[in-house]
Amino acid sequence: MTETKSKEAWDRFTADAQHLAGELRRSYKSSDDDKKAAEIDRSLRQLGKAAETFFASLETATRDPQVRATTKQTARSFGTALAQTFRELGDEVDKAIKKKTPPG
């Protein structure tokens, strides 16, 4: 794969991940079912755990210090992006719950 094709593939992944985050927000917001919201939350947590496992395996797969450092940085960047998505999704859930809960 040429560098250009690789960049295009990563750009596509980024766009797809952003689209997925938007779809999850939409699904959360439109869900009147707490069970469905809990399932989405559980799925996102599993995704986070899988990502941690993936990056940990990359880190242990090489003895090259530069590759290890780059793997750690990539994992942090991915974790930051995932955490931000969770925060935004959590904010949307909080707003939806507040709208559904009558003032008491």
N, C-alpha and C. Protein backbone atom coordinates (compact mmCIF):
# COMPACT_ATOMS: atom_id res chain seq x y z
N MET A 1 0.86 -1.18 0.00
CA MET A 1 0.00 0.00 0.00
C MET A 1 0.90 1.23 0.00
N THR A 2 0.64 2.14 -0.90
CA THR A 2 1.45 3.35 -0.95
C THR A 2 1.07 4.26 0.20
N GLU A 3 1.93 5.23 0.47
CA GLU A 3 1.68 6.17 1.57
C GLU A 3 0.37 6.92 1.36
N THR A 4 0.09 7.29 0.11
CA THR A 4 -1.15 8.01 -0.18
C THR A 4 -2.36 7.13 0.12
N LYS A 5 -2.32 5.88 -0.27
CA LYS A 5 -3.43 4.97 -0.01
C LYS A 5 -3.58 4.72 1.49
N SER A 6 -2.47 4.65 2.18
CA SER A 6 -2.52 4.47 3.63
C SER A 6 -3.17 5.67 4.29
N LYS A 7 -2.78 6.88 3.87
CA LYS A 7 -3.39 8.09 4.43
C LYS A 7 -4.87 8.13 4.13
N GLU A 8 -5.24 7.77 2.91
CA GLU A 8 -6.66 7.74 2.55
C GLU A 8 -7.43 6.75 3.43
N ALA A 9 -6.83 5.61 3.70
CA ALA A 9 -7.48 4.60 4.53
C ALA A 9 -7.68 5.12 5.95
N TRP A 10 -6.67 5.80 6.51
CA TRP A 10 -6.80 6.37 7.86
C TRP A 10 -7.79 7.52 7.89
N ASP A 11 -7.79 8.33 6.84
CA ASP A 11 -8.78 9.41 6.76
C ASP A 11 -10.19 8.84 6.72
N ARG A 12 -10.36 7.74 5.99
CA ARG A 12 -11.67 7.09 5.90
C ARG A 12 -12.07 6.53 7.27
N PHE A 13 -11.10 5.92 7.96
CA PHE A 13 -11.38 5.40 9.30
C PHE A 13 -11.82 6.52 10.23
N THR A 14 -11.13 7.65 10.18
CA THR A 14 -11.48 8.79 11.02
C THR A 14 -12.90 9.27 10.72
N ALA A 15 -13.21 9.39 9.44
CA ALA A 15 -14.55 9.83 9.04
C ALA A 15 -15.60 8.82 9.50
N ASP A 16 -15.30 7.54 9.34
CA ASP A 16 -16.25 6.50 9.77
C ASP A 16 -16.44 6.52 11.29
N ALA A 17 -15.36 6.72 12.04
CA ALA A 17 -15.47 6.78 13.50
C ALA A 17 -16.31 7.97 13.94
N GLN A 18 -16.12 9.10 13.28
CA GLN A 18 -16.93 10.28 13.60
C GLN A 18 -18.40 10.04 13.26
N HIS A 19 -18.64 9.38 12.14
CA HIS A 19 -20.01 9.05 11.76
C HIS A 19 -20.64 8.10 12.78
N LEU A 20 -19.88 7.11 13.21
CA LEU A 20 -20.37 6.17 14.22
C LEU A 20 -20.71 6.89 15.52
N ALA A 21 -19.86 7.80 15.94
CA ALA A 21 -20.13 8.57 17.16
C ALA A 21 -21.45 9.34 17.02
N GLY A 22 -21.66 9.93 15.86
CA GLY A 22 -22.91 10.66 15.61
C GLY A 22 -24.11 9.74 15.64
N GLU A 23 -23.98 8.56 15.07
CA GLU A 23 -25.08 7.60 15.06
C GLU A 23 -25.38 7.11 16.49
N LEU A 24 -24.34 6.89 17.26
CA LEU A 24 -24.55 6.46 18.65
C LEU A 24 -25.25 7.55 19.45
N ARG A 25 -24.84 8.81 19.25
CA ARG A 25 -25.52 9.92 19.92
C ARG A 25 -26.99 9.96 19.54
N ARG A 26 -27.26 9.83 18.24
CA ARG A 26 -28.63 9.85 17.76
C ARG A 26 -29.44 8.71 18.37
N SER A 27 -28.84 7.55 18.41
CA SER A 27 -29.52 6.39 18.96
C SER A 27 -29.81 6.57 20.44
N TYR A 28 -28.82 7.11 21.16
CA TYR A 28 -29.01 7.38 22.59
C TYR A 28 -30.12 8.40 22.81
N LYS A 29 -30.08 9.48 22.04
CA LYS A 29 -31.06 10.56 22.21
C LYS A 29 -32.47 10.10 21.90
N SER A 30 -32.61 9.24 20.90
CA SER A 30 -33.94 8.82 20.49
C SER A 30 -34.44 7.62 21.28
N SER A 31 -33.61 7.10 22.17
CA SER A 31 -34.00 5.90 22.92
C SER A 31 -34.86 6.25 24.12
N ASP A 32 -36.07 5.71 24.12
CA ASP A 32 -36.93 5.82 25.29
C ASP A 32 -36.72 4.63 26.20
N ASP A 33 -35.87 3.74 25.77
CA ASP A 33 -35.65 2.49 26.47
C ASP A 33 -34.32 2.53 27.22
N ASP A 34 -34.39 2.49 28.55
CA ASP A 34 -33.16 2.50 29.35
C ASP A 34 -32.31 1.27 29.07
N LYS A 35 -32.94 0.15 28.75
CA LYS A 35 -32.20 -1.08 28.45
C LYS A 35 -31.34 -0.88 27.20
N LYS A 36 -31.92 -0.25 26.17
CA LYS A 36 -31.17 0.00 24.93
C LYS A 36 -29.99 0.93 25.21
N ALA A 37 -30.20 1.97 25.99
CA ALA A 37 -29.12 2.89 26.34
C ALA A 37 -28.02 2.16 27.10
N ALA A 38 -28.42 1.27 28.01
CA ALA A 38 -27.43 0.50 28.78
C ALA A 38 -26.64 -0.43 27.87
N GLU A 39 -27.30 -1.00 26.87
CA GLU A 39 -26.61 -1.89 25.92
C GLU A 39 -25.57 -1.10 25.11
N ILE A 40 -25.95 0.10 24.67
CA ILE A 40 -25.01 0.93 23.93
C ILE A 40 -23.82 1.29 24.81
N ASP A 41 -24.08 1.66 26.05
CA ASP A 41 -23.03 2.00 26.99
C ASP A 41 -22.09 0.81 27.20
N ARG A 42 -22.66 -0.37 27.38
CA ARG A 42 -21.86 -1.58 27.59
C ARG A 42 -21.00 -1.86 26.35
N SER A 43 -21.58 -1.68 25.18
CA SER A 43 -20.83 -1.91 23.94
C SER A 43 -19.65 -0.95 23.81
N LEU A 44 -19.87 0.31 24.16
CA LEU A 44 -18.78 1.29 24.09
C LEU A 44 -17.67 0.95 25.08
N ARG A 45 -18.04 0.49 26.25
CA ARG A 45 -17.03 0.09 27.24
C ARG A 45 -16.23 -1.12 26.74
N GLN A 46 -16.90 -2.05 26.09
CA GLN A 46 -16.21 -3.21 25.53
C GLN A 46 -15.25 -2.78 24.43
N LEU A 47 -15.67 -1.81 23.62
CA LEU A 47 -14.80 -1.28 22.58
C LEU A 47 -13.55 -0.67 23.20
N GLY A 48 -13.74 0.08 24.27
CA GLY A 48 -12.58 0.68 24.97
C GLY A 48 -11.63 -0.38 25.50
N LYS A 49 -12.17 -1.43 26.10
CA LYS A 49 -11.33 -2.51 26.62
C LYS A 49 -10.59 -3.23 25.49
N ALA A 50 -11.29 -3.45 24.38
CA ALA A 50 -10.65 -4.10 23.23
C ALA A 50 -9.51 -3.25 22.68
N ALA A 51 -9.72 -1.94 22.64
CA ALA A 51 -8.66 -1.05 22.16
C ALA A 51 -7.45 -1.10 23.09
N GLU A 52 -7.71 -1.10 24.40
CA GLU A 52 -6.61 -1.20 25.36
C GLU A 52 -5.82 -2.49 25.14
N THR A 53 -6.52 -3.59 24.95
CA THR A 53 -5.87 -4.88 24.72
C THR A 53 -5.05 -4.86 23.44
N PHE A 54 -5.63 -4.28 22.39
CA PHE A 54 -4.94 -4.19 21.10
C PHE A 54 -3.63 -3.42 21.23
N PHE A 55 -3.68 -2.24 21.85
CA PHE A 55 -2.47 -1.43 21.96
C PHE A 55 -1.46 -2.05 22.92
N ALA A 56 -1.93 -2.70 23.95
CA ALA A 56 -1.02 -3.39 24.87
C ALA A 56 -0.29 -4.51 24.15
N SER A 57 -0.99 -5.23 23.28
CA SER A 57 -0.34 -6.31 22.55
C SER A 57 0.69 -5.77 21.56
N LEU A 58 0.40 -4.62 20.95
CA LEU A 58 1.39 -4.01 20.05
C LEU A 58 2.64 -3.60 20.82
N GLU A 59 2.40 -3.04 22.01
CA GLU A 59 3.52 -2.57 22.82
C GLU A 59 4.43 -3.72 23.24
N THR A 60 3.85 -4.85 23.56
CA THR A 60 4.66 -5.99 24.01
C THR A 60 5.22 -6.79 22.84
N ALA A 61 4.71 -6.56 21.64
CA ALA A 61 5.14 -7.34 20.48
C ALA A 61 6.50 -6.92 19.95
N THR A 62 7.01 -5.80 20.39
CA THR A 62 8.29 -5.33 19.86
C THR A 62 9.21 -4.91 21.00
N ARG A 63 10.48 -5.03 20.72
CA ARG A 63 11.48 -4.58 21.69
C ARG A 63 12.06 -3.23 21.28
N ASP A 64 11.69 -2.76 20.12
CA ASP A 64 12.19 -1.48 19.60
C ASP A 64 11.59 -0.35 20.44
N PRO A 65 12.44 0.42 21.15
CA PRO A 65 11.93 1.47 22.03
C PRO A 65 11.14 2.54 21.28
N GLN A 66 11.53 2.86 20.06
CA GLN A 66 10.80 3.88 19.29
C GLN A 66 9.40 3.39 18.93
N VAL A 67 9.29 2.14 18.53
CA VAL A 67 7.98 1.58 18.20
C VAL A 67 7.11 1.54 19.46
N ARG A 68 7.70 1.17 20.58
CA ARG A 68 6.95 1.12 21.84
C ARG A 68 6.45 2.51 22.21
N ALA A 69 7.31 3.51 22.08
CA ALA A 69 6.92 4.89 22.42
C ALA A 69 5.81 5.38 21.49
N THR A 70 5.94 5.07 20.22
CA THR A 70 4.92 5.48 19.25
C THR A 70 3.60 4.76 19.53
N THR A 71 3.68 3.49 19.90
CA THR A 71 2.48 2.73 20.24
C THR A 71 1.78 3.37 21.45
N LYS A 72 2.55 3.73 22.45
CA LYS A 72 1.97 4.37 23.64
C LYS A 72 1.29 5.69 23.27
N GLN A 73 1.96 6.49 22.43
CA GLN A 73 1.39 7.77 22.02
C GLN A 73 0.10 7.56 21.22
N THR A 74 0.12 6.59 20.33
CA THR A 74 -1.07 6.30 19.53
C THR A 74 -2.21 5.82 20.42
N ALA A 75 -1.90 4.98 21.39
CA ALA A 75 -2.92 4.51 22.33
C ALA A 75 -3.50 5.67 23.13
N ARG A 76 -2.64 6.59 23.56
CA ARG A 76 -3.13 7.77 24.29
C ARG A 76 -4.04 8.62 23.41
N SER A 77 -3.64 8.84 22.17
CA SER A 77 -4.47 9.63 21.25
C SER A 77 -5.82 8.96 21.01
N PHE A 78 -5.78 7.66 20.80
CA PHE A 78 -7.02 6.92 20.59
C PHE A 78 -7.88 6.98 21.85
N GLY A 79 -7.26 6.80 22.99
CA GLY A 79 -7.99 6.87 24.26
C GLY A 79 -8.61 8.23 24.49
N THR A 80 -7.88 9.28 24.16
CA THR A 80 -8.41 10.63 24.30
C THR A 80 -9.62 10.84 23.40
N ALA A 81 -9.52 10.39 22.15
CA ALA A 81 -10.63 10.52 21.22
C ALA A 81 -11.84 9.72 21.70
N LEU A 82 -11.60 8.52 22.19
CA LEU A 82 -12.68 7.68 22.69
C LEU A 82 -13.31 8.30 23.94
N ALA A 83 -12.47 8.79 24.84
CA ALA A 83 -12.98 9.42 26.06
C ALA A 83 -13.81 10.65 25.74
N GLN A 84 -13.37 11.45 24.78
CA GLN A 84 -14.13 12.64 24.40
C GLN A 84 -15.49 12.24 23.82
N THR A 85 -15.49 11.19 23.03
CA THR A 85 -16.75 10.69 22.49
C THR A 85 -17.67 10.25 23.61
N PHE A 86 -17.13 9.53 24.62
CA PHE A 86 -17.93 9.11 25.77
C PHE A 86 -18.48 10.32 26.52
N ARG A 87 -17.64 11.35 26.71
CA ARG A 87 -18.10 12.55 27.41
C ARG A 87 -19.26 13.21 26.67
N GLU A 88 -19.09 13.36 25.36
CA GLU A 88 -20.14 13.98 24.57
C GLU A 88 -21.41 13.13 24.60
N LEU A 89 -21.24 11.83 24.50
CA LEU A 89 -22.38 10.93 24.54
C LEU A 89 -23.05 10.99 25.92
N GLY A 90 -22.25 11.04 26.96
CA GLY A 90 -22.77 11.16 28.31
C GLY A 90 -23.56 12.44 28.50
N ASP A 91 -23.05 13.53 27.95
CA ASP A 91 -23.77 14.81 28.02
C ASP A 91 -25.13 14.70 27.34
N GLU A 92 -25.15 14.03 26.19
CA GLU A 92 -26.41 13.85 25.46
C GLU A 92 -27.38 13.01 26.28
N VAL A 93 -26.87 11.97 26.92
CA VAL A 93 -27.72 11.11 27.75
C VAL A 93 -28.27 11.90 28.92
N ASP A 94 -27.41 12.68 29.58
CA ASP A 94 -27.87 13.51 30.70
C ASP A 94 -28.99 14.46 30.26
N LYS A 95 -28.81 15.10 29.11
CA LYS A 95 -29.82 16.02 28.61
C LYS A 95 -31.13 15.29 28.34
N ALA A 96 -31.02 14.09 27.74
CA ALA A 96 -32.22 13.32 27.42
C ALA A 96 -32.93 12.88 28.69
N ILE A 97 -32.19 12.50 29.71
CA ILE A 97 -32.79 12.08 30.98
C ILE A 97 -33.47 13.26 31.65
N LYS A 98 -32.83 14.41 31.63
CA LYS A 98 -33.42 15.60 32.24
C LYS A 98 -34.72 15.99 31.54
N LYS A 99 -34.78 15.81 30.24
CA LYS A 99 -36.00 16.13 29.49
C LYS A 99 -37.12 15.16 29.85
N LYS A 100 -36.77 13.91 30.13
CA LYS A 100 -37.77 12.88 30.42
C LYS A 100 -38.24 12.93 31.87
N THR A 101 -37.38 13.46 32.76
CA THR A 101 -37.71 13.47 34.17
C THR A 101 -38.41 14.78 34.53
N PRO A 102 -39.68 14.68 34.99
CA PRO A 102 -40.38 15.90 35.37
C PRO A 102 -39.75 16.51 36.62
N PRO A 103 -39.73 17.84 36.71
CA PRO A 103 -39.15 18.48 37.90
C PRO A 103 -39.90 18.04 39.15
N GLY A 104 -39.14 17.77 40.20
CA GLY A 104 -39.77 17.24 41.39
C GLY A 104 -39.60 18.01 42.58
